[in-house]
Amino acid sequence: MQTAISPELLVNPEIAEANAILRSCVHCGFCNATCPTYQLLGNELDGPRGRIYLIKEMLEGNQSSEKTQLHLDRCLTCRACETTCPSGVQYGRLIDIGRQVIEERAPRPLWQKIVRRSLLAVLPYPKRFAFVLGISRVVRPLLPLSLQRKIPAQRSAQSVRPQATHPRSMLILEGCVQSLSAPNINTAAAYVLDKLGISLISASKAGCCGALNQHLADIDGAHDMMRRNIDAWWPYIEQGAEAIVMSSSGCGLMVKEYGITLKHDPNYAAKAARISELTRDLSEILGREDLSALADVGKGVRVAYQSSCTLQHGQKLPGVVETILQNCGYTLTPVADSHLCCGAAGTYTLMQPALSQQLLENKLSALQRGAAEVIATANIGCQLHLESAARLPVKHWIELLQPFPLQGETEEHL
């Protein structure tokens, strides 16, 4: 693709990066075939190729309008287009830059600003989120059913984790939303890894990975969170922690891209690159270990696995979790269109509820068609979104490998 971005703008390293990405696109349109929003709406501007043209026109100095903003907002950032693209267009990075630019050039209506700033002020901060979540659970009976379903089920947390100290140690990100909505995911991971001779360490000063801020175009806020996490993890890296384990694939994708996102930061570029190099999805860790001790855990239980976009398209790890589950005795049921997004996509359920709901219905239809007993996924956002309307229980896949029930675990089903 030919571009005509002014030399003055190209001085900005991110605009120069966007220009290089634009030039790698060959207009083929293969991306539209796997784009969830294009499949639903049939509008060229709601597919990757159309959004690429909108970003190109915006950077070339054409009018930046609410129309451009709307079509960029509708993108799930699922990156299915990257999996399909024969030219290797880094669409996820391009749309992050495009959203940042449109935010500066096309001011949003006041109500949109309030909603976005409220989400950024609450969701990445566990104490604030816990307060809001507690209130929402109290008033839930008074809310419309559509909102009731978005409130996560109450789960009692298993507070005790393995106490053994092993020669091998890894860091784990507790997460912001996950730590409150599904607190036993990391506990299950700690028990499984403990049996493999690996200790998990939580850095107390680490927090939200920054993905929420990044995708809502709060770039400064996202970078601050990334730097804080790097500072929190760095002493443990120096002491020999061999990896940073991510039990949420969305967070994992973000941390794996710290090196890209902070590459122009003179103080953090090298450290960010090292952090990204050490970051592993939980499935990558288990996929390299001897799991013979867990071979009969599944006992033939039928599982419908929802392959999260951030794992299969973002981190390029299709089939890894599925292999682990099968090796541990589970039977996987067929899932049609497994490459398509479930509609969770961070705050997408709140910002684009109609499209999100359509995608959810399609995904649950595919997942529940094969007589499964449980739905498993690798991402907290997908898990909460799926369980809001699923007939079957929805679990993080590591909870299926936990070799004994977590004591005191209860759930309040909606």
Protein backbone atom coordinates (compact mmCIF):
# COMPACT_ATOMS: atom_id res chain seq x y z
CA MET A 1 0.00 0.00 0.00
CA GLN A 2 1.31 3.45 -0.96
CA THR A 3 1.12 6.16 1.71
CA ALA A 4 1.54 9.93 1.69
CA ILE A 5 2.06 10.85 5.33
CA SER A 6 3.79 14.19 5.82
CA PRO A 7 7.47 14.19 6.85
CA GLU A 8 6.53 16.31 9.88
CA LEU A 9 4.33 13.52 11.22
CA LEU A 10 6.82 10.79 10.38
CA VAL A 11 9.24 12.33 12.89
CA ASN A 12 6.98 10.75 15.52
CA PRO A 13 8.33 7.18 15.91
CA GLU A 14 4.85 5.68 16.39
CA ILE A 15 3.53 7.36 13.23
CA ALA A 16 6.60 6.08 11.38
CA GLU A 17 5.84 2.60 12.73
CA ALA A 18 2.22 2.88 11.59
CA ASN A 19 3.42 3.99 8.15
CA ALA A 20 5.60 0.89 7.83
CA ILE A 21 2.69 -1.35 8.84
CA LEU A 22 0.37 0.34 6.33
CA ARG A 23 2.90 -0.18 3.54
CA SER A 24 3.02 -3.92 4.28
CA CYS A 25 -0.69 -4.33 3.43
CA VAL A 26 -1.40 -5.60 -0.11
CA HIS A 27 -5.20 -5.01 -0.14
CA CYS A 28 -5.95 -8.74 -0.57
CA GLY A 29 -8.94 -8.80 1.80
CA PHE A 30 -8.23 -12.26 3.23
CA CYS A 31 -8.54 -10.62 6.66
CA ASN A 32 -12.25 -9.89 6.18
CA ALA A 33 -12.98 -13.60 5.89
CA THR A 34 -12.03 -14.14 9.55
CA CYS A 35 -13.10 -10.81 11.04
CA PRO A 36 -16.03 -11.27 13.48
CA THR A 37 -17.47 -7.77 13.00
CA TYR A 38 -17.28 -7.98 9.22
CA GLN A 39 -19.07 -11.34 9.40
CA LEU A 40 -21.88 -9.76 11.41
CA LEU A 41 -22.20 -6.39 9.68
CA GLY A 42 -20.94 -6.99 6.14
CA ASN A 43 -19.52 -3.47 6.02
CA GLU A 44 -16.05 -3.04 4.52
CA LEU A 45 -15.29 -0.37 7.12
CA ASP A 46 -16.04 -2.87 9.88
CA GLY A 47 -13.36 -5.23 8.64
CA PRO A 48 -9.57 -4.95 8.97
CA ARG A 49 -8.96 -3.77 5.41
CA GLY A 50 -11.49 -0.96 5.76
CA ARG A 51 -10.11 0.11 9.11
CA ILE A 52 -6.61 0.13 7.65
CA TYR A 53 -7.82 2.54 4.95
CA LEU A 54 -9.46 4.75 7.58
CA ILE A 55 -6.23 4.93 9.57
CA LYS A 56 -4.24 5.63 6.41
CA GLU A 57 -6.54 8.51 5.42
CA MET A 58 -6.43 9.93 8.94
CA LEU A 59 -2.63 9.89 9.07
CA GLU A 60 -2.44 11.45 5.62
CA GLY A 61 -4.32 14.48 6.93
CA ASN A 62 -7.88 13.78 5.84
CA GLN A 63 -10.70 14.61 8.19
CA SER A 64 -10.82 12.53 11.38
CA SER A 65 -14.50 12.06 12.11
CA GLU A 66 -16.83 10.30 14.51
CA LYS A 67 -17.40 7.81 11.67
CA THR A 68 -13.74 6.79 11.75
CA GLN A 69 -13.88 6.57 15.52
CA LEU A 70 -16.99 4.38 15.41
CA HIS A 71 -15.43 1.80 13.10
CA LEU A 72 -12.22 1.68 15.12
CA ASP A 73 -14.25 1.29 18.32
CA ARG A 74 -16.11 -1.67 16.84
CA CYS A 75 -12.88 -3.60 16.34
CA LEU A 76 -12.47 -6.36 18.94
CA THR A 77 -8.66 -6.41 18.53
CA CYS A 78 -9.05 -10.19 18.32
CA ARG A 79 -6.22 -10.39 15.74
CA ALA A 80 -7.84 -13.18 13.75
CA CYS A 81 -6.87 -11.05 10.77
CA GLU A 82 -3.20 -11.36 11.70
CA THR A 83 -3.47 -15.15 11.64
CA THR A 84 -5.03 -14.98 8.18
CA CYS A 85 -2.87 -12.23 6.65
CA PRO A 86 -0.33 -13.59 4.12
CA SER A 87 1.74 -10.38 4.36
CA GLY A 88 2.23 -10.37 8.13
CA VAL A 89 0.49 -7.02 8.71
CA GLN A 90 0.77 -6.11 12.39
CA TYR A 91 -2.82 -4.99 12.61
CA GLY A 92 -3.08 -5.07 16.42
CA ARG A 93 -0.24 -2.57 16.76
CA LEU A 94 -1.65 -0.42 13.97
CA ILE A 95 -5.10 -0.08 15.50
CA ASP A 96 -3.60 0.80 18.89
CA ILE A 97 -1.77 3.69 17.23
CA GLY A 98 -4.84 4.62 15.18
CA ARG A 99 -7.02 4.77 18.28
CA GLN A 100 -4.50 6.98 20.01
CA VAL A 101 -4.47 9.43 17.10
CA ILE A 102 -8.25 9.55 16.62
CA GLU A 103 -8.66 10.19 20.34
CA GLU A 104 -6.58 13.33 19.94
CA ARG A 105 -8.27 14.52 16.74
CA ALA A 106 -11.95 13.69 17.29
CA PRO A 107 -13.06 14.58 20.83
CA ARG A 108 -15.74 12.27 22.16
CA PRO A 109 -19.16 13.32 23.51
CA LEU A 110 -19.14 14.04 27.24
CA TRP A 111 -21.03 10.87 28.17
CA GLN A 112 -18.51 8.68 26.37
CA LYS A 113 -15.64 10.42 28.14
CA ILE A 114 -17.32 9.83 31.50
CA VAL A 115 -17.90 6.13 30.81
CA ARG A 116 -14.36 5.50 29.58
CA ARG A 117 -12.72 7.44 32.39
CA SER A 118 -14.89 5.65 34.95
CA LEU A 119 -13.82 2.26 33.61
CA LEU A 120 -10.17 3.30 33.70
CA ALA A 121 -10.55 4.64 37.23
CA VAL A 122 -12.06 1.40 38.58
CA LEU A 123 -11.28 -1.82 36.70
CA PRO A 124 -7.45 -1.81 36.86
CA TYR A 125 -7.45 -1.22 40.63
CA PRO A 126 -8.51 -4.22 42.77
CA LYS A 127 -9.57 -2.24 45.84
CA ARG A 128 -11.74 0.12 43.83
CA PHE A 129 -13.12 -2.71 41.73
CA ALA A 130 -13.92 -4.73 44.87
CA PHE A 131 -15.92 -1.81 46.26
CA VAL A 132 -17.91 -1.32 43.05
CA LEU A 133 -18.40 -5.07 42.62
CA GLY A 134 -19.73 -5.36 46.17
CA ILE A 135 -22.27 -2.60 45.56
CA SER A 136 -23.31 -4.10 42.24
CA ARG A 137 -24.01 -7.45 43.88
CA VAL A 138 -26.20 -5.78 46.50
CA VAL A 139 -28.32 -3.91 43.95
CA ARG A 140 -28.29 -6.68 41.34
CA PRO A 141 -31.95 -7.68 41.85
CA LEU A 142 -32.94 -4.13 40.91
CA LEU A 143 -30.99 -4.10 37.65
CA PRO A 144 -32.17 -5.18 34.18
CA LEU A 145 -31.43 -8.83 33.44
CA SER A 146 -28.86 -7.83 30.80
CA LEU A 147 -26.83 -6.02 33.48
CA GLN A 148 -27.39 -8.69 36.12
CA ARG A 149 -25.70 -11.22 33.88
CA LYS A 150 -22.58 -9.06 33.59
CA ILE A 151 -21.96 -9.14 37.35
CA PRO A 152 -19.51 -11.98 38.15
CA ALA A 153 -20.69 -14.82 40.39
CA GLN A 154 -19.55 -14.74 44.02
CA ARG A 155 -16.75 -17.21 44.67
CA SER A 156 -15.06 -17.93 47.97
CA ALA A 157 -11.31 -17.84 47.61
CA GLN A 158 -9.02 -20.66 48.67
CA SER A 159 -6.55 -18.65 50.74
CA VAL A 160 -3.92 -21.35 51.30
CA ARG A 161 -1.36 -21.95 48.59
CA PRO A 162 1.51 -24.45 48.57
CA GLN A 163 4.17 -23.54 51.13
CA ALA A 164 7.04 -25.59 49.72
CA THR A 165 10.04 -23.74 48.31
CA HIS A 166 11.50 -25.36 45.21
CA PRO A 167 14.81 -24.66 43.44
CA ARG A 168 12.79 -23.55 40.42
CA SER A 169 10.72 -20.40 40.84
CA MET A 170 8.54 -18.30 38.57
CA LEU A 171 6.64 -15.05 38.96
CA ILE A 172 2.89 -14.93 38.45
CA LEU A 173 0.71 -11.89 37.80
CA GLU A 174 -2.32 -11.95 40.09
CA GLY A 175 -4.28 -9.66 37.79
CA CYS A 176 -6.85 -7.03 38.66
CA VAL A 177 -10.27 -8.30 37.58
CA GLN A 178 -9.24 -11.96 37.82
CA SER A 179 -8.02 -11.68 41.40
CA LEU A 180 -11.54 -10.76 42.51
CA SER A 181 -13.79 -12.46 39.96
CA ALA A 182 -12.04 -15.84 39.84
CA PRO A 183 -9.46 -15.90 42.66
CA ASN A 184 -8.89 -19.65 42.56
CA ILE A 185 -7.37 -19.70 39.07
CA ASN A 186 -3.90 -18.77 40.30
CA THR A 187 -4.32 -20.97 43.36
CA ALA A 188 -5.00 -23.96 41.11
CA ALA A 189 -1.96 -22.99 39.02
CA ALA A 190 0.18 -22.85 42.15
CA TYR A 191 -0.87 -26.36 43.22
CA VAL A 192 -0.31 -27.87 39.79
CA LEU A 193 3.12 -26.25 39.40
CA ASP A 194 4.02 -27.22 42.96
CA LYS A 195 3.59 -30.87 41.96
CA LEU A 196 6.01 -30.21 39.12
CA GLY A 197 8.60 -28.76 41.47
CA ILE A 198 8.01 -25.10 40.63
CA SER A 199 7.26 -22.35 43.17
CA LEU A 200 5.13 -19.38 42.16
CA ILE A 201 5.95 -15.92 43.46
CA SER A 202 3.59 -12.96 43.52
CA ALA A 203 5.28 -9.55 43.45
CA SER A 204 3.20 -7.42 45.81
CA LYS A 205 3.79 -4.18 43.92
CA ALA A 206 2.75 -5.56 40.52
CA GLY A 207 -0.74 -4.67 39.30
CA CYS A 208 -2.81 -4.38 36.15
CA CYS A 209 -0.88 -5.29 33.02
CA GLY A 210 -1.99 -2.10 31.25
CA ALA A 211 -4.09 -3.73 28.52
CA LEU A 212 -7.29 -1.94 29.46
CA ASN A 213 -5.65 1.47 29.28
CA GLN A 214 -3.82 0.56 26.08
CA HIS A 215 -7.00 -0.44 24.25
CA LEU A 216 -8.94 2.59 25.50
CA ALA A 217 -6.19 4.86 24.14
CA ASP A 218 -4.88 5.94 27.57
CA ILE A 219 -1.32 5.40 26.43
CA ASP A 220 0.36 7.32 29.25
CA GLY A 221 -1.59 5.36 31.85
CA ALA A 222 -0.75 2.07 30.15
CA HIS A 223 2.95 2.90 30.04
CA ASP A 224 2.95 3.85 33.73
CA MET A 225 1.44 0.48 34.63
CA MET A 226 4.00 -1.33 32.50
CA ARG A 227 6.88 0.49 34.16
CA ARG A 228 5.47 -0.25 37.62
CA ASN A 229 5.26 -3.97 36.84
CA ILE A 230 8.77 -4.03 35.42
CA ASP A 231 10.08 -2.38 38.60
CA ALA A 232 8.14 -4.87 40.76
CA TRP A 233 9.42 -7.92 38.87
CA TRP A 234 12.98 -6.88 38.19
CA PRO A 235 14.51 -7.80 41.61
CA TYR A 236 13.07 -11.32 41.29
CA ILE A 237 14.44 -11.63 37.77
CA GLU A 238 17.88 -10.68 39.08
CA GLN A 239 17.49 -13.35 41.79
CA GLY A 240 16.86 -16.08 39.24
CA ALA A 241 13.12 -16.33 38.57
CA GLU A 242 13.07 -18.24 35.30
CA ALA A 243 9.78 -16.97 33.87
CA ILE A 244 6.79 -14.71 34.37
CA VAL A 245 3.71 -16.92 34.21
CA MET A 246 0.42 -15.58 32.88
CA SER A 247 -2.81 -17.42 33.66
CA SER A 248 -4.89 -14.90 31.69
CA SER A 249 -4.05 -14.94 28.00
CA GLY A 250 -5.11 -11.31 27.53
CA CYS A 251 -2.66 -10.13 30.17
CA GLY A 252 -0.02 -12.45 28.78
CA LEU A 253 -0.28 -10.95 25.32
CA MET A 254 0.06 -7.44 26.74
CA VAL A 255 3.15 -8.28 28.82
CA LYS A 256 4.73 -10.12 25.90
CA GLU A 257 4.47 -6.83 24.00
CA TYR A 258 6.03 -4.60 26.67
CA GLY A 259 9.24 -4.69 24.66
CA ILE A 260 7.43 -3.36 21.58
CA THR A 261 5.34 -0.81 23.41
CA LEU A 262 8.22 0.65 25.43
CA LYS A 263 10.93 0.33 22.79
CA HIS A 264 11.27 4.12 22.54
CA ASP A 265 11.61 4.58 26.32
CA PRO A 266 15.34 5.11 26.97
CA ASN A 267 15.04 4.07 30.63
CA TYR A 268 12.89 0.98 30.20
CA ALA A 269 13.36 -0.35 26.66
CA ALA A 270 15.98 -2.95 27.56
CA LYS A 271 14.20 -4.12 30.70
CA ALA A 272 10.86 -4.24 28.90
CA ALA A 273 12.37 -6.42 26.17
CA ARG A 274 13.76 -8.78 28.81
CA ILE A 275 10.41 -8.98 30.60
CA SER A 276 8.65 -9.83 27.34
CA GLU A 277 11.28 -12.46 26.59
CA LEU A 278 10.64 -14.16 29.96
CA THR A 279 6.84 -14.03 29.83
CA ARG A 280 5.07 -17.33 29.24
CA ASP A 281 1.45 -18.35 29.12
CA LEU A 282 0.71 -21.02 31.70
CA SER A 283 0.09 -23.50 28.89
CA GLU A 284 3.61 -22.91 27.55
CA ILE A 285 5.04 -23.88 30.93
CA LEU A 286 2.96 -27.03 31.35
CA GLY A 287 3.43 -27.99 27.72
CA ARG A 288 7.14 -28.48 28.38
CA GLU A 289 6.77 -30.41 31.65
CA ASP A 290 6.15 -34.08 32.40
CA LEU A 291 2.41 -34.28 33.15
CA SER A 292 2.24 -38.05 33.64
CA ALA A 293 1.13 -37.53 37.26
CA LEU A 294 -1.98 -35.79 35.91
CA ALA A 295 -2.72 -38.28 33.14
CA ASP A 296 -5.99 -39.54 34.69
CA VAL A 297 -7.33 -36.28 36.10
CA GLY A 298 -9.87 -35.83 33.32
CA LYS A 299 -11.33 -39.38 33.39
CA GLY A 300 -12.98 -38.88 30.02
CA VAL A 301 -14.97 -35.78 31.02
CA ARG A 302 -16.21 -34.02 27.89
CA VAL A 303 -14.86 -30.47 27.57
CA ALA A 304 -15.75 -27.77 25.07
CA TYR A 305 -12.64 -25.62 24.87
CA GLN A 306 -13.03 -21.99 23.88
CA SER A 307 -9.73 -20.94 22.35
CA SER A 308 -9.29 -17.30 23.38
CA CYS A 309 -8.24 -14.89 20.66
CA THR A 310 -5.35 -13.55 22.70
CA LEU A 311 -3.90 -17.05 22.94
CA GLN A 312 -4.47 -18.42 19.44
CA HIS A 313 -4.14 -15.23 17.38
CA GLY A 314 -2.22 -12.86 19.65
CA GLN A 315 0.32 -15.22 21.23
CA LYS A 316 0.18 -17.68 18.30
CA LEU A 317 -0.38 -20.70 20.57
CA PRO A 318 -3.23 -22.64 18.96
CA GLY A 319 -3.74 -26.18 20.15
CA VAL A 320 -1.42 -26.02 23.18
CA VAL A 321 -4.12 -26.08 25.87
CA GLU A 322 -6.14 -28.63 23.92
CA THR A 323 -3.16 -31.01 23.86
CA ILE A 324 -2.61 -30.60 27.60
CA LEU A 325 -6.26 -31.35 28.39
CA GLN A 326 -6.25 -34.43 26.19
CA ASN A 327 -3.00 -35.66 27.73
CA CYS A 328 -4.63 -35.29 31.15
CA GLY A 329 -7.55 -37.51 30.23
CA TYR A 330 -10.20 -35.06 29.04
CA THR A 331 -12.24 -35.61 25.90
CA LEU A 332 -12.58 -32.50 23.73
CA THR A 333 -15.84 -31.93 21.89
CA PRO A 334 -15.83 -30.34 18.41
CA VAL A 335 -16.35 -26.57 18.34
CA ALA A 336 -17.30 -24.92 15.04
CA ASP A 337 -15.65 -21.64 14.04
CA SER A 338 -13.21 -21.87 16.94
CA HIS A 339 -11.18 -19.04 15.39
CA LEU A 340 -13.95 -16.49 15.98
CA CYS A 341 -14.12 -14.21 19.02
CA CYS A 342 -16.66 -14.76 21.81
CA GLY A 343 -17.26 -11.01 22.05
CA ALA A 344 -15.62 -10.38 25.43
CA ALA A 345 -12.58 -8.33 24.34
CA GLY A 346 -11.98 -6.44 27.57
CA THR A 347 -14.55 -3.67 27.92
CA TYR A 348 -16.22 -4.52 24.59
CA THR A 349 -19.18 -6.10 26.41
CA LEU A 350 -19.91 -2.70 27.94
CA MET A 351 -18.93 -0.44 25.05
CA GLN A 352 -20.46 -2.47 22.20
CA PRO A 353 -23.17 -4.57 23.93
CA ALA A 354 -25.23 -5.46 20.84
CA LEU A 355 -22.30 -6.83 18.83
CA SER A 356 -20.84 -8.48 21.90
CA GLN A 357 -24.11 -10.28 22.62
CA GLN A 358 -24.44 -11.53 19.05
CA LEU A 359 -20.94 -12.96 19.17
CA LEU A 360 -21.64 -14.53 22.56
CA GLU A 361 -24.76 -16.28 21.31
CA ASN A 362 -22.91 -17.64 18.29
CA LYS A 363 -20.00 -18.85 20.42
CA LEU A 364 -22.18 -20.55 23.04
CA SER A 365 -24.18 -22.25 20.32
CA ALA A 366 -20.95 -23.74 18.97
CA LEU A 367 -19.58 -24.67 22.39
CA GLN A 368 -22.75 -26.30 23.71
CA ARG A 369 -23.59 -28.25 20.55
CA GLY A 370 -21.31 -31.22 21.27
CA ALA A 371 -22.78 -32.53 24.54
CA ALA A 372 -19.91 -31.20 26.67
CA GLU A 373 -20.05 -31.29 30.47
CA VAL A 374 -17.98 -28.15 31.02
CA ILE A 375 -16.64 -25.21 29.02
CA ALA A 376 -12.98 -24.30 29.49
CA THR A 377 -11.10 -21.19 28.45
CA ALA A 378 -7.75 -19.48 29.01
CA ASN A 379 -8.79 -15.88 29.60
CA ILE A 380 -10.71 -14.29 32.47
CA GLY A 381 -12.63 -11.91 30.20
CA CYS A 382 -13.85 -14.81 28.06
CA GLN A 383 -14.74 -16.83 31.16
CA LEU A 384 -16.91 -14.09 32.68
CA HIS A 385 -18.55 -13.33 29.35
CA LEU A 386 -19.34 -16.96 28.57
CA GLU A 387 -20.70 -17.81 32.01
CA SER A 388 -23.09 -14.86 31.84
CA ALA A 389 -25.32 -16.90 29.51
CA ALA A 390 -23.97 -20.46 29.39
CA ARG A 391 -26.02 -23.52 30.33
CA LEU A 392 -22.81 -25.31 31.33
CA PRO A 393 -20.27 -24.43 34.02
CA VAL A 394 -17.37 -22.34 32.67
CA LYS A 395 -13.88 -22.84 34.09
CA HIS A 396 -10.36 -21.77 33.44
CA TRP A 397 -8.61 -24.82 32.03
CA ILE A 398 -6.04 -24.97 34.85
CA GLU A 399 -8.89 -25.57 37.31
CA LEU A 400 -9.60 -28.81 35.45
CA LEU A 401 -6.06 -30.00 36.14
CA GLN A 402 -6.24 -29.27 39.86
CA PRO A 403 -5.94 -32.83 41.20
CA PHE A 404 -8.25 -32.36 44.19
CA PRO A 405 -11.17 -30.04 45.01
CA LEU A 406 -10.16 -26.73 46.51
CA GLN A 407 -11.40 -26.78 50.09
CA GLY A 408 -14.18 -24.35 50.83
CA GLU A 409 -14.84 -23.41 47.22
CA THR A 410 -18.42 -22.37 46.58
CA GLU A 411 -20.11 -20.48 43.81
CA GLU A 412 -23.20 -18.34 43.64
CA HIS A 413 -24.65 -18.95 40.20
CA LEU A 414 -26.61 -16.22 38.50
